[in-house]
Amino acid sequence: MPLIRRASRSAKLTALVALSLACARCSSDAVDTGAASNAGSPAHAGAPASSGGHAGTSEQGNAGSNEGGASGAPFSPAGAGGETTGQGGATDEPTDAIPTFNGCAAEDYEDQSAAAAPRVIEIATQGLTFTPPCLLIAVGQTVRFQGSLSSHPLAPGNPEDPDAGSAASPIQATSSGQSVEFKFPDAGTFPYYCELHSFGDGQGMAGVVHVRP
C-alpha cells in the first residue's frame, strides 16, 4: 500500500509539472501570436495604405489644379498681347495716316496728348518759329498759343491755302494779345501760320496741330 501511494503521488507531481509547462508554453504562444496579429492587423497595415492614398490624392489634386490652370487661366501671353494691341489701337494711329502740312511730317510731331502735358505753343521765343511747330494732341484738348500776336498774327491753313488740312479748323485768325487758346473737339490735322513770316506752302513761321481720336 505505501508503494502504491508513493507511485500515485509521483504521478500527480509529474502531471502537475507537465500541466505547468503546458500553461507556460500557451502563454508564450499567445504573446507571440498577439504581436504577429498586431503587426498584420488591418489597422496597422492600413497606415501605409492611408498614407499612400493621401499621396495619391495630393498628386491628383495637383494634377487637377495644373490642368485647370492650363485650361481656365485668365492670363496668357497671347491674351495679354491681344489686350495691349487693342488698347494701342484705341489710342494710336498709323503714322502714314497723318498728312504732311507746313513742313510737319508724321515723325516731326511732339506728343502732348497726356493729361498733364502743357500743350503750349510758344510764338517766336526761339527765332521766327513756333515751338513746338508740330504738336500732337487728343480729341477734346485745348492748345494755347503764347507770345506777341500783334507781331506775329496767327491764321489757319497756309498762305497758299487758308483751308488746308481738315475742315472746320478751331484755329481762328488772331492779331492781338499775348495769348489765345483753342479747343479741338474733333480729330483732324489743322495747319496754321504767321501772316507776316510765312511763305510758300506754309514754310517759315508755320506749324500744325494734329488731333488724334
N, C-alpha and C. Protein backbone atom coordinates (compact mmCIF):
# COMPACT_ATOMS: atom_id res chain seq x y z
N MET A 1 0.82 -1.22 0.00
CA MET A 1 0.00 0.00 0.00
C MET A 1 0.84 1.24 0.00
N PRO A 2 1.86 1.36 0.80
CA PRO A 2 2.70 2.58 0.77
C PRO A 2 3.33 2.78 -0.57
N LEU A 3 3.70 1.70 -1.24
CA LEU A 3 4.30 1.84 -2.57
C LEU A 3 3.30 2.41 -3.56
N ILE A 4 2.09 1.97 -3.48
CA ILE A 4 1.04 2.45 -4.40
C ILE A 4 0.79 3.92 -4.18
N ARG A 5 0.74 4.38 -2.91
CA ARG A 5 0.50 5.81 -2.61
C ARG A 5 1.64 6.66 -3.14
N ARG A 6 2.89 6.11 -2.95
CA ARG A 6 4.04 6.90 -3.44
C ARG A 6 3.98 7.02 -4.96
N ALA A 7 3.65 5.93 -5.65
CA ALA A 7 3.53 5.97 -7.10
C ALA A 7 2.47 6.94 -7.52
N SER A 8 1.36 6.95 -6.79
CA SER A 8 0.27 7.86 -7.12
C SER A 8 0.69 9.29 -6.94
N ARG A 9 1.44 9.57 -5.86
CA ARG A 9 1.92 10.94 -5.63
C ARG A 9 2.90 11.35 -6.73
N SER A 10 3.77 10.44 -7.12
CA SER A 10 4.74 10.75 -8.18
C SER A 10 4.02 11.05 -9.49
N ALA A 11 2.99 10.31 -9.77
CA ALA A 11 2.22 10.54 -11.00
C ALA A 11 1.57 11.89 -10.97
N LYS A 12 1.04 12.26 -9.77
CA LYS A 12 0.39 13.58 -9.64
C LYS A 12 1.40 14.69 -9.84
N LEU A 13 2.59 14.52 -9.24
CA LEU A 13 3.61 15.57 -9.39
C LEU A 13 4.03 15.70 -10.84
N THR A 14 4.19 14.57 -11.49
CA THR A 14 4.58 14.61 -12.92
C THR A 14 3.51 15.30 -13.74
N ALA A 15 2.26 14.97 -13.42
CA ALA A 15 1.14 15.59 -14.15
C ALA A 15 1.11 17.08 -13.92
N LEU A 16 1.35 17.54 -12.67
CA LEU A 16 1.34 18.98 -12.35
C LEU A 16 2.46 19.71 -13.08
N VAL A 17 3.66 19.04 -13.08
CA VAL A 17 4.78 19.68 -13.79
C VAL A 17 4.48 19.80 -15.27
N ALA A 18 3.91 18.75 -15.86
CA ALA A 18 3.56 18.77 -17.28
C ALA A 18 2.54 19.84 -17.57
N LEU A 19 1.53 19.95 -16.67
CA LEU A 19 0.47 20.97 -16.85
C LEU A 19 1.05 22.36 -16.76
N SER A 20 1.99 22.55 -15.81
CA SER A 20 2.61 23.86 -15.63
C SER A 20 3.41 24.24 -16.86
N LEU A 21 4.16 23.30 -17.41
CA LEU A 21 4.94 23.57 -18.61
C LEU A 21 4.02 23.89 -19.79
N ALA A 22 2.93 23.14 -19.88
CA ALA A 22 1.98 23.37 -20.97
C ALA A 22 1.38 24.76 -20.88
N CYS A 23 1.05 25.23 -19.68
CA CYS A 23 0.47 26.57 -19.49
C CYS A 23 1.46 27.65 -19.86
N ALA A 24 2.73 27.45 -19.49
CA ALA A 24 3.77 28.43 -19.82
C ALA A 24 3.93 28.54 -21.32
N ARG A 25 3.87 27.38 -22.01
CA ARG A 25 4.01 27.39 -23.48
C ARG A 25 2.83 28.10 -24.13
N CYS A 26 1.63 27.85 -23.58
CA CYS A 26 0.43 28.51 -24.13
C CYS A 26 0.54 30.01 -23.99
N SER A 27 1.02 30.41 -22.83
CA SER A 27 1.15 31.84 -22.56
C SER A 27 2.10 32.49 -23.54
N SER A 28 3.23 31.81 -23.77
CA SER A 28 4.24 32.33 -24.69
C SER A 28 3.70 32.40 -26.11
N ASP A 29 2.98 31.36 -26.51
CA ASP A 29 2.38 31.34 -27.86
C ASP A 29 1.39 32.47 -28.03
N ALA A 30 0.63 32.73 -26.96
CA ALA A 30 -0.39 33.78 -27.04
C ALA A 30 0.27 35.13 -27.26
N VAL A 31 1.38 35.38 -26.54
CA VAL A 31 2.09 36.66 -26.68
C VAL A 31 2.63 36.81 -28.08
N ASP A 32 3.29 35.75 -28.60
CA ASP A 32 3.86 35.80 -29.94
C ASP A 32 2.78 36.01 -30.98
N THR A 33 1.69 35.29 -30.82
CA THR A 33 0.59 35.39 -31.77
C THR A 33 0.00 36.77 -31.76
N GLY A 34 -0.12 37.38 -30.58
CA GLY A 34 -0.68 38.74 -30.48
C GLY A 34 0.19 39.74 -31.18
N ALA A 35 1.51 39.61 -30.98
CA ALA A 35 2.41 40.56 -31.64
C ALA A 35 2.31 40.43 -33.13
N ALA A 36 2.26 39.17 -33.58
CA ALA A 36 2.18 38.94 -35.01
C ALA A 36 0.88 39.47 -35.56
N SER A 37 -0.21 39.23 -34.84
CA SER A 37 -1.50 39.69 -35.34
C SER A 37 -1.59 41.20 -35.35
N ASN A 38 -0.96 41.86 -34.35
CA ASN A 38 -0.95 43.33 -34.37
C ASN A 38 -0.17 43.85 -35.57
N ALA A 39 0.96 43.18 -35.84
CA ALA A 39 1.76 43.63 -36.97
C ALA A 39 0.99 43.48 -38.26
N GLY A 40 0.17 42.47 -38.36
CA GLY A 40 -0.55 42.23 -39.61
C GLY A 40 -2.00 42.62 -39.55
N SER A 41 -2.40 43.31 -38.50
CA SER A 41 -3.81 43.67 -38.37
C SER A 41 -4.18 44.72 -39.41
N PRO A 42 -5.45 44.81 -39.79
CA PRO A 42 -5.89 45.79 -40.78
C PRO A 42 -5.56 47.21 -40.35
N ALA A 43 -5.69 47.51 -39.03
CA ALA A 43 -5.43 48.87 -38.59
C ALA A 43 -3.97 49.22 -38.81
N HIS A 44 -3.09 48.28 -38.52
CA HIS A 44 -1.65 48.54 -38.65
C HIS A 44 -1.27 48.60 -40.11
N ALA A 45 -1.78 47.66 -40.86
CA ALA A 45 -1.45 47.63 -42.28
C ALA A 45 -2.10 48.78 -43.00
N GLY A 46 -3.15 49.30 -42.44
CA GLY A 46 -3.87 50.38 -43.12
C GLY A 46 -3.13 51.68 -43.10
N ALA A 47 -2.15 51.86 -42.17
CA ALA A 47 -1.44 53.13 -42.10
C ALA A 47 -0.71 53.42 -43.39
N PRO A 48 0.12 52.48 -43.89
CA PRO A 48 0.76 52.76 -45.17
C PRO A 48 -0.25 52.96 -46.28
N ALA A 49 -1.34 52.19 -46.28
CA ALA A 49 -2.34 52.34 -47.32
C ALA A 49 -2.95 53.72 -47.26
N SER A 50 -3.24 54.18 -46.01
CA SER A 50 -3.82 55.50 -45.84
C SER A 50 -2.84 56.56 -46.32
N SER A 51 -1.56 56.38 -45.95
CA SER A 51 -0.55 57.34 -46.38
C SER A 51 -0.44 57.35 -47.89
N GLY A 52 -0.44 56.14 -48.48
CA GLY A 52 -0.37 56.06 -49.93
C GLY A 52 -1.56 56.71 -50.57
N GLY A 53 -2.75 56.50 -49.99
CA GLY A 53 -3.95 57.10 -50.54
C GLY A 53 -3.87 58.60 -50.47
N HIS A 54 -3.33 59.13 -49.38
CA HIS A 54 -3.21 60.57 -49.22
C HIS A 54 -2.28 61.14 -50.28
N ALA A 55 -1.15 60.42 -50.49
CA ALA A 55 -0.22 60.89 -51.51
C ALA A 55 -0.87 60.89 -52.86
N GLY A 56 -1.64 59.83 -53.15
CA GLY A 56 -2.33 59.76 -54.43
C GLY A 56 -3.31 60.91 -54.59
N THR A 57 -4.02 61.23 -53.53
CA THR A 57 -4.99 62.34 -53.59
C THR A 57 -4.28 63.64 -53.84
N SER A 58 -3.13 63.83 -53.20
CA SER A 58 -2.37 65.07 -53.39
C SER A 58 -1.93 65.20 -54.83
N GLU A 59 -1.43 64.08 -55.40
CA GLU A 59 -0.99 64.14 -56.78
C GLU A 59 -2.15 64.44 -57.71
N GLN A 60 -3.28 63.78 -57.46
CA GLN A 60 -4.44 64.02 -58.29
C GLN A 60 -4.89 65.46 -58.18
N GLY A 61 -4.87 65.97 -56.93
CA GLY A 61 -5.28 67.36 -56.73
C GLY A 61 -4.36 68.32 -57.46
N ASN A 62 -3.05 68.07 -57.34
CA ASN A 62 -2.11 68.93 -58.03
C ASN A 62 -2.27 68.84 -59.52
N ALA A 63 -2.44 67.60 -59.99
CA ALA A 63 -2.62 67.44 -61.43
C ALA A 63 -3.87 68.16 -61.89
N GLY A 64 -4.95 68.03 -61.13
CA GLY A 64 -6.19 68.72 -61.49
C GLY A 64 -6.01 70.21 -61.47
N SER A 65 -5.28 70.69 -60.46
CA SER A 65 -5.05 72.13 -60.35
C SER A 65 -4.27 72.63 -61.54
N ASN A 66 -3.21 71.88 -61.92
CA ASN A 66 -2.41 72.30 -63.05
C ASN A 66 -3.21 72.27 -64.33
N GLU A 67 -4.01 71.23 -64.45
CA GLU A 67 -4.82 71.12 -65.66
C GLU A 67 -5.81 72.26 -65.74
N GLY A 68 -6.41 72.58 -64.58
CA GLY A 68 -7.36 73.68 -64.57
C GLY A 68 -6.68 74.99 -64.89
N GLY A 69 -5.46 75.19 -64.36
CA GLY A 69 -4.73 76.42 -64.63
C GLY A 69 -4.40 76.54 -66.11
N ALA A 70 -4.12 75.40 -66.75
CA ALA A 70 -3.76 75.47 -68.16
C ALA A 70 -4.96 75.79 -69.02
N SER A 71 -6.13 75.31 -68.64
CA SER A 71 -7.28 75.48 -69.49
C SER A 71 -8.11 76.69 -69.13
N GLY A 72 -8.14 77.09 -67.85
CA GLY A 72 -9.04 78.16 -67.47
C GLY A 72 -8.35 79.40 -66.96
N ALA A 73 -7.04 79.53 -67.20
CA ALA A 73 -6.32 80.69 -66.67
C ALA A 73 -6.78 81.95 -67.39
N PRO A 74 -7.01 83.07 -66.65
CA PRO A 74 -7.46 84.30 -67.27
C PRO A 74 -6.34 85.02 -67.98
N PHE A 75 -5.11 84.62 -67.72
CA PHE A 75 -3.98 85.33 -68.31
C PHE A 75 -3.17 84.38 -69.16
N SER A 76 -2.80 84.83 -70.35
CA SER A 76 -1.87 84.11 -71.19
C SER A 76 -1.11 85.12 -72.00
N PRO A 77 0.11 84.81 -72.43
CA PRO A 77 0.87 85.77 -73.23
C PRO A 77 0.11 86.22 -74.46
N ALA A 78 -0.59 85.29 -75.11
CA ALA A 78 -1.33 85.67 -76.31
C ALA A 78 -2.45 86.63 -75.95
N GLY A 79 -3.17 86.30 -74.85
CA GLY A 79 -4.28 87.17 -74.44
C GLY A 79 -3.78 88.54 -74.04
N ALA A 80 -2.64 88.57 -73.31
CA ALA A 80 -2.09 89.86 -72.89
C ALA A 80 -1.71 90.68 -74.10
N GLY A 81 -1.10 90.03 -75.11
CA GLY A 81 -0.71 90.75 -76.30
C GLY A 81 -1.91 91.32 -77.01
N GLY A 82 -2.98 90.47 -77.07
CA GLY A 82 -4.20 90.94 -77.73
C GLY A 82 -4.77 92.15 -77.03
N GLU A 83 -4.75 92.10 -75.74
CA GLU A 83 -5.32 93.22 -74.98
C GLU A 83 -4.49 94.48 -75.21
N THR A 84 -3.15 94.36 -75.17
CA THR A 84 -2.28 95.51 -75.38
C THR A 84 -2.50 96.09 -76.76
N THR A 85 -2.64 95.18 -77.76
CA THR A 85 -2.87 95.65 -79.11
C THR A 85 -4.17 96.40 -79.19
N GLY A 86 -5.19 95.87 -78.49
CA GLY A 86 -6.49 96.54 -78.51
C GLY A 86 -6.41 97.92 -77.91
N GLN A 87 -5.70 98.05 -76.80
CA GLN A 87 -5.57 99.36 -76.17
C GLN A 87 -4.79 100.30 -77.07
N GLY A 88 -3.73 99.77 -77.71
CA GLY A 88 -2.94 100.62 -78.59
C GLY A 88 -3.77 101.10 -79.76
N GLY A 89 -4.63 100.20 -80.29
CA GLY A 89 -5.45 100.59 -81.42
C GLY A 89 -6.43 101.68 -81.06
N ALA A 90 -6.83 101.74 -79.77
CA ALA A 90 -7.81 102.74 -79.36
C ALA A 90 -7.19 104.12 -79.24
N THR A 91 -5.88 104.20 -79.02
CA THR A 91 -5.25 105.50 -78.78
C THR A 91 -4.25 105.90 -79.85
N ASP A 92 -3.66 104.92 -80.54
CA ASP A 92 -2.65 105.21 -81.54
C ASP A 92 -3.25 105.16 -82.93
N GLU A 93 -2.56 105.77 -83.88
CA GLU A 93 -2.97 105.69 -85.26
C GLU A 93 -1.72 105.54 -86.11
N PRO A 94 -1.84 104.91 -87.27
CA PRO A 94 -0.65 104.75 -88.12
C PRO A 94 -0.06 106.10 -88.49
N THR A 95 1.27 106.17 -88.49
CA THR A 95 1.90 107.46 -88.82
C THR A 95 1.62 107.87 -90.26
N ASP A 96 1.41 106.89 -91.15
CA ASP A 96 1.14 107.27 -92.54
C ASP A 96 -0.25 107.85 -92.72
N ALA A 97 -1.06 107.84 -91.63
CA ALA A 97 -2.39 108.45 -91.71
C ALA A 97 -2.33 109.95 -91.44
N ILE A 98 -1.18 110.44 -91.01
CA ILE A 98 -1.02 111.87 -90.72
C ILE A 98 -0.44 112.56 -91.96
N PRO A 99 -1.21 113.41 -92.62
CA PRO A 99 -0.69 114.09 -93.82
C PRO A 99 0.36 115.14 -93.47
N THR A 100 1.17 115.48 -94.43
CA THR A 100 2.21 116.48 -94.23
C THR A 100 1.70 117.86 -94.65
N PHE A 101 1.78 118.78 -93.70
CA PHE A 101 1.42 120.18 -93.96
C PHE A 101 2.46 121.07 -93.31
N ASN A 102 2.71 122.24 -93.91
CA ASN A 102 3.56 123.27 -93.31
C ASN A 102 4.89 122.73 -92.78
N GLY A 103 5.45 121.75 -93.49
CA GLY A 103 6.73 121.19 -93.11
C GLY A 103 6.67 120.19 -91.98
N CYS A 104 5.47 119.83 -91.52
CA CYS A 104 5.32 118.85 -90.43
C CYS A 104 4.98 117.48 -91.00
N ALA A 105 5.97 116.58 -90.99
CA ALA A 105 5.73 115.18 -91.36
C ALA A 105 5.36 114.39 -90.11
N ALA A 106 4.91 113.15 -90.30
CA ALA A 106 4.42 112.34 -89.19
C ALA A 106 5.45 112.19 -88.07
N GLU A 107 6.74 112.06 -88.43
CA GLU A 107 7.77 111.85 -87.41
C GLU A 107 8.19 113.13 -86.70
N ASP A 108 7.68 114.26 -87.13
CA ASP A 108 8.08 115.54 -86.54
C ASP A 108 7.23 115.96 -85.35
N TYR A 109 6.13 115.27 -85.11
CA TYR A 109 5.19 115.74 -84.10
C TYR A 109 5.68 115.47 -82.68
N GLU A 110 5.44 116.43 -81.81
CA GLU A 110 5.71 116.27 -80.38
C GLU A 110 4.39 115.91 -79.69
N ASP A 111 4.40 114.74 -79.07
CA ASP A 111 3.17 114.23 -78.45
C ASP A 111 2.94 114.89 -77.08
N GLN A 112 1.89 115.69 -77.02
CA GLN A 112 1.50 116.30 -75.74
C GLN A 112 0.04 115.94 -75.43
N SER A 113 -0.33 114.73 -75.75
CA SER A 113 -1.71 114.29 -75.52
C SER A 113 -1.94 113.79 -74.09
N ALA A 114 -0.86 113.62 -73.31
CA ALA A 114 -1.02 113.17 -71.92
C ALA A 114 -1.77 114.22 -71.12
N ALA A 115 -2.47 113.75 -70.09
CA ALA A 115 -3.32 114.65 -69.30
C ALA A 115 -2.53 115.80 -68.69
N ALA A 116 -1.30 115.54 -68.27
CA ALA A 116 -0.51 116.57 -67.59
C ALA A 116 0.35 117.40 -68.54
N ALA A 117 0.29 117.15 -69.84
CA ALA A 117 1.11 117.88 -70.80
C ALA A 117 0.68 119.35 -70.87
N PRO A 118 1.62 120.27 -71.12
CA PRO A 118 1.28 121.70 -71.11
C PRO A 118 0.45 122.14 -72.31
N ARG A 119 0.72 121.59 -73.50
CA ARG A 119 0.03 121.96 -74.74
C ARG A 119 0.08 123.47 -75.00
N VAL A 120 1.29 124.00 -74.94
CA VAL A 120 1.53 125.42 -75.20
C VAL A 120 2.47 125.54 -76.39
N ILE A 121 2.11 126.38 -77.36
CA ILE A 121 2.97 126.67 -78.49
C ILE A 121 3.50 128.09 -78.31
N GLU A 122 4.81 128.18 -78.12
CA GLU A 122 5.45 129.48 -77.92
C GLU A 122 5.65 130.18 -79.28
N ILE A 123 5.36 131.49 -79.30
CA ILE A 123 5.47 132.27 -80.54
C ILE A 123 6.77 133.07 -80.53
N ALA A 124 7.66 132.74 -81.45
CA ALA A 124 8.91 133.48 -81.68
C ALA A 124 9.79 133.59 -80.44
N THR A 125 9.84 132.59 -79.61
CA THR A 125 10.76 132.61 -78.46
C THR A 125 12.13 132.07 -78.84
N GLN A 126 12.22 131.38 -79.97
CA GLN A 126 13.49 130.82 -80.46
C GLN A 126 13.69 131.23 -81.92
N GLY A 127 13.58 132.51 -82.18
CA GLY A 127 13.67 133.00 -83.55
C GLY A 127 12.28 133.01 -84.19
N LEU A 128 12.27 133.16 -85.50
CA LEU A 128 10.99 133.22 -86.22
C LEU A 128 10.44 131.80 -86.43
N THR A 129 9.92 131.26 -85.37
CA THR A 129 9.36 129.92 -85.40
C THR A 129 8.35 129.74 -84.28
N PHE A 130 7.51 128.72 -84.43
CA PHE A 130 6.62 128.29 -83.35
C PHE A 130 7.31 127.12 -82.64
N THR A 131 7.18 127.06 -81.31
CA THR A 131 7.83 126.00 -80.52
C THR A 131 6.83 125.32 -79.57
N PRO A 132 6.54 124.02 -79.79
CA PRO A 132 6.95 123.21 -80.93
C PRO A 132 6.06 123.51 -82.14
N PRO A 133 6.58 123.44 -83.34
CA PRO A 133 5.76 123.76 -84.51
C PRO A 133 4.74 122.66 -84.84
N CYS A 134 5.10 121.41 -84.55
CA CYS A 134 4.24 120.26 -84.89
C CYS A 134 3.79 119.59 -83.60
N LEU A 135 2.53 119.75 -83.26
CA LEU A 135 2.03 119.31 -81.95
C LEU A 135 0.95 118.24 -82.13
N LEU A 136 1.07 117.17 -81.35
CA LEU A 136 0.10 116.06 -81.38
C LEU A 136 -0.70 116.07 -80.08
N ILE A 137 -2.04 116.13 -80.20
CA ILE A 137 -2.91 116.12 -79.02
C ILE A 137 -4.05 115.13 -79.26
N ALA A 138 -4.94 115.03 -78.29
CA ALA A 138 -6.11 114.14 -78.40
C ALA A 138 -7.38 114.97 -78.48
N VAL A 139 -8.44 114.32 -78.93
CA VAL A 139 -9.74 114.98 -79.06
C VAL A 139 -10.18 115.57 -77.74
N GLY A 140 -10.69 116.82 -77.78
CA GLY A 140 -11.21 117.48 -76.60
C GLY A 140 -10.19 118.30 -75.83
N GLN A 141 -8.93 118.27 -76.25
CA GLN A 141 -7.89 119.03 -75.54
C GLN A 141 -7.75 120.44 -76.12
N THR A 142 -7.14 121.32 -75.32
CA THR A 142 -7.00 122.73 -75.68
C THR A 142 -5.53 123.09 -75.84
N VAL A 143 -5.25 123.92 -76.84
CA VAL A 143 -3.89 124.38 -77.10
C VAL A 143 -3.85 125.90 -76.92
N ARG A 144 -2.78 126.36 -76.24
CA ARG A 144 -2.60 127.80 -76.07
C ARG A 144 -1.40 128.28 -76.89
N PHE A 145 -1.64 129.31 -77.72
CA PHE A 145 -0.57 130.00 -78.44
C PHE A 145 -0.16 131.18 -77.56
N GLN A 146 1.12 131.22 -77.22
CA GLN A 146 1.58 132.23 -76.26
C GLN A 146 2.72 133.07 -76.85
N GLY A 147 2.53 134.39 -76.88
CA GLY A 147 3.53 135.33 -77.41
C GLY A 147 2.81 136.51 -78.05
N SER A 148 3.57 137.38 -78.66
CA SER A 148 3.01 138.59 -79.26
C SER A 148 2.26 138.28 -80.55
N LEU A 149 0.95 138.30 -80.46
CA LEU A 149 0.12 138.01 -81.63
C LEU A 149 0.01 139.23 -82.55
N SER A 150 0.32 140.40 -82.05
CA SER A 150 0.32 141.58 -82.92
C SER A 150 1.56 141.58 -83.81
N SER A 151 2.69 141.09 -83.30
CA SER A 151 3.91 140.99 -84.10
C SER A 151 3.90 139.76 -85.00
N HIS A 152 3.13 138.76 -84.63
CA HIS A 152 3.07 137.51 -85.39
C HIS A 152 1.61 137.06 -85.50
N PRO A 153 0.84 137.77 -86.36
CA PRO A 153 -0.58 137.44 -86.49
C PRO A 153 -0.78 135.98 -86.90
N LEU A 154 -1.67 135.31 -86.18
CA LEU A 154 -1.92 133.88 -86.37
C LEU A 154 -3.09 133.69 -87.33
N ALA A 155 -2.98 132.68 -88.19
CA ALA A 155 -4.06 132.36 -89.12
C ALA A 155 -4.07 130.85 -89.38
N PRO A 156 -5.25 130.28 -89.73
CA PRO A 156 -5.30 128.85 -90.05
C PRO A 156 -4.84 128.58 -91.48
N GLY A 157 -4.44 127.33 -91.74
CA GLY A 157 -4.03 126.93 -93.08
C GLY A 157 -2.61 127.34 -93.38
N ASN A 158 -2.39 127.85 -94.61
CA ASN A 158 -1.08 128.41 -95.02
C ASN A 158 -1.33 129.49 -96.08
N PRO A 159 -0.31 130.28 -96.40
CA PRO A 159 -0.55 131.42 -97.30
C PRO A 159 -1.14 131.02 -98.66
N GLU A 160 -0.80 129.84 -99.14
CA GLU A 160 -1.31 129.41 -100.43
C GLU A 160 -2.68 128.76 -100.33
N ASP A 161 -3.05 128.29 -99.15
CA ASP A 161 -4.33 127.59 -99.00
C ASP A 161 -4.84 127.76 -97.57
N PRO A 162 -5.68 128.80 -97.34
CA PRO A 162 -6.21 129.03 -95.99
C PRO A 162 -7.05 127.86 -95.46
N ASP A 163 -7.56 127.03 -96.40
CA ASP A 163 -8.40 125.89 -95.99
C ASP A 163 -7.62 124.58 -95.95
N ALA A 164 -6.31 124.64 -95.95
CA ALA A 164 -5.50 123.42 -95.92
C ALA A 164 -5.80 122.63 -94.65
N GLY A 165 -5.67 121.31 -94.77
CA GLY A 165 -5.90 120.45 -93.62
C GLY A 165 -7.36 120.07 -93.49
N SER A 166 -7.73 119.63 -92.31
CA SER A 166 -9.11 119.18 -92.05
C SER A 166 -10.06 120.37 -92.01
N ALA A 167 -11.30 120.09 -92.31
CA ALA A 167 -12.31 121.15 -92.34
C ALA A 167 -12.62 121.65 -90.94
N ALA A 168 -13.20 122.84 -90.88
CA ALA A 168 -13.66 123.45 -89.62
C ALA A 168 -12.55 123.53 -88.59
N SER A 169 -11.45 124.19 -88.96
CA SER A 169 -10.33 124.34 -88.03
C SER A 169 -10.74 125.21 -86.85
N PRO A 170 -10.44 124.78 -85.62
CA PRO A 170 -10.73 125.61 -84.45
C PRO A 170 -9.82 126.83 -84.37
N ILE A 171 -8.69 126.81 -85.11
CA ILE A 171 -7.75 127.93 -85.06
C ILE A 171 -8.33 129.11 -85.82
N GLN A 172 -8.46 130.23 -85.15
CA GLN A 172 -9.03 131.44 -85.75
C GLN A 172 -7.96 132.51 -85.91
N ALA A 173 -8.12 133.34 -86.94
CA ALA A 173 -7.18 134.44 -87.16
C ALA A 173 -7.17 135.36 -85.94
N THR A 174 -5.98 135.61 -85.43
CA THR A 174 -5.83 136.44 -84.21
C THR A 174 -4.61 137.33 -84.39
N SER A 175 -4.79 138.64 -84.18
CA SER A 175 -3.69 139.58 -84.41
C SER A 175 -3.46 140.53 -83.24
N SER A 176 -3.91 140.14 -82.06
CA SER A 176 -3.67 140.98 -80.87
C SER A 176 -3.61 140.11 -79.63
N GLY A 177 -3.01 140.70 -78.58
CA GLY A 177 -2.91 139.98 -77.32
C GLY A 177 -1.62 139.21 -77.19
N GLN A 178 -1.45 138.62 -76.01
CA GLN A 178 -0.25 137.86 -75.69
C GLN A 178 -0.49 136.34 -75.68
N SER A 179 -1.72 135.95 -75.78
CA SER A 179 -2.02 134.51 -75.85
C SER A 179 -3.45 134.31 -76.33
N VAL A 180 -3.67 133.13 -76.88
CA VAL A 180 -5.01 132.75 -77.32
C VAL A 180 -5.10 131.22 -77.21
N GLU A 181 -6.29 130.74 -76.85
CA GLU A 181 -6.50 129.29 -76.69
C GLU A 181 -7.58 128.81 -77.64
N PHE A 182 -7.39 127.59 -78.12
CA PHE A 182 -8.38 126.95 -78.99
C PHE A 182 -8.59 125.51 -78.53
N LYS A 183 -9.84 125.13 -78.42
CA LYS A 183 -10.18 123.75 -78.07
C LYS A 183 -10.46 122.97 -79.35
N PHE A 184 -10.00 121.71 -79.39
CA PHE A 184 -10.12 120.88 -80.58
C PHE A 184 -11.09 119.72 -80.29
N PRO A 185 -12.36 119.88 -80.65
CA PRO A 185 -13.36 118.85 -80.33
C PRO A 185 -13.36 117.65 -81.27
N ASP A 186 -12.70 117.80 -82.43
CA ASP A 186 -12.73 116.73 -83.43
C ASP A 186 -11.33 116.33 -83.85
N ALA A 187 -11.20 115.07 -84.27
CA ALA A 187 -9.92 114.60 -84.79
C ALA A 187 -9.65 115.25 -86.14
N GLY A 188 -8.37 115.43 -86.44
CA GLY A 188 -8.01 116.01 -87.73
C GLY A 188 -6.62 116.63 -87.69
N THR A 189 -6.24 117.24 -88.83
CA THR A 189 -4.94 117.88 -88.98
C THR A 189 -5.18 119.35 -89.30
N PHE A 190 -4.69 120.24 -88.44
CA PHE A 190 -5.03 121.66 -88.53
C PHE A 190 -3.75 122.51 -88.62
N PRO A 191 -3.35 122.88 -89.85
CA PRO A 191 -2.17 123.72 -90.01
C PRO A 191 -2.45 125.19 -89.65
N TYR A 192 -1.40 125.92 -89.35
CA TYR A 192 -1.51 127.35 -89.01
C TYR A 192 -0.21 128.03 -89.43
N TYR A 193 -0.22 129.36 -89.45
CA TYR A 193 1.00 130.08 -89.85
C TYR A 193 0.95 131.53 -89.36
N CYS A 194 2.10 132.17 -89.39
CA CYS A 194 2.20 133.60 -89.08
C CYS A 194 2.03 134.36 -90.40
N GLU A 195 1.09 135.30 -90.44
CA GLU A 195 0.79 136.01 -91.68
C GLU A 195 1.95 136.89 -92.17
N LEU A 196 2.87 137.22 -91.28
CA LEU A 196 3.98 138.09 -91.67
C LEU A 196 5.27 137.34 -91.96
N HIS A 197 5.43 136.15 -91.44
CA HIS A 197 6.73 135.48 -91.52
C HIS A 197 6.63 134.05 -92.09
N SER A 198 5.62 133.81 -92.87
CA SER A 198 5.49 132.51 -93.52
C SER A 198 5.44 132.73 -95.02
N PHE A 199 5.84 131.74 -95.79
CA PHE A 199 5.88 131.88 -97.24
C PHE A 199 5.70 130.51 -97.89
N GLY A 200 5.42 130.54 -99.16
CA GLY A 200 5.26 129.29 -99.89
C GLY A 200 4.14 128.44 -99.30
N ASP A 201 4.36 127.15 -99.27
CA ASP A 201 3.38 126.20 -98.75
C ASP A 201 3.49 126.10 -97.23
N GLY A 202 3.29 127.28 -96.57
CA GLY A 202 3.34 127.29 -95.13
C GLY A 202 4.73 127.16 -94.57
N GLN A 203 5.76 127.39 -95.38
CA GLN A 203 7.13 127.31 -94.89
C GLN A 203 7.46 128.56 -94.09
N GLY A 204 8.57 128.51 -93.34
CA GLY A 204 8.92 129.62 -92.48
C GLY A 204 8.24 129.47 -91.15
N MET A 205 7.57 130.54 -90.70
CA MET A 205 6.94 130.50 -89.38
C MET A 205 5.55 129.89 -89.53
N ALA A 206 5.50 128.56 -89.42
CA ALA A 206 4.25 127.82 -89.62
C ALA A 206 4.31 126.52 -88.85
N GLY A 207 3.18 125.89 -88.72
CA GLY A 207 3.13 124.63 -87.99
C GLY A 207 1.79 123.93 -88.16
N VAL A 208 1.59 122.88 -87.34
CA VAL A 208 0.37 122.05 -87.43
C VAL A 208 0.01 121.54 -86.05
N VAL A 209 -1.28 121.52 -85.76
CA VAL A 209 -1.81 120.80 -84.61
C VAL A 209 -2.55 119.57 -85.16
N HIS A 210 -2.05 118.39 -84.83
CA HIS A 210 -2.74 117.16 -85.25
C HIS A 210 -3.49 116.58 -84.06
N VAL A 211 -4.78 116.32 -84.26
CA VAL A 211 -5.64 115.80 -83.18
C VAL A 211 -5.98 114.36 -83.51
N ARG A 212 -5.55 113.46 -82.64
CA ARG A 212 -5.84 112.04 -82.88
C ARG A 212 -7.13 111.66 -82.14
N PRO A 213 -7.77 110.59 -82.62
CA PRO A 213 -9.05 110.16 -82.00
C PRO A 213 -8.91 109.84 -80.53
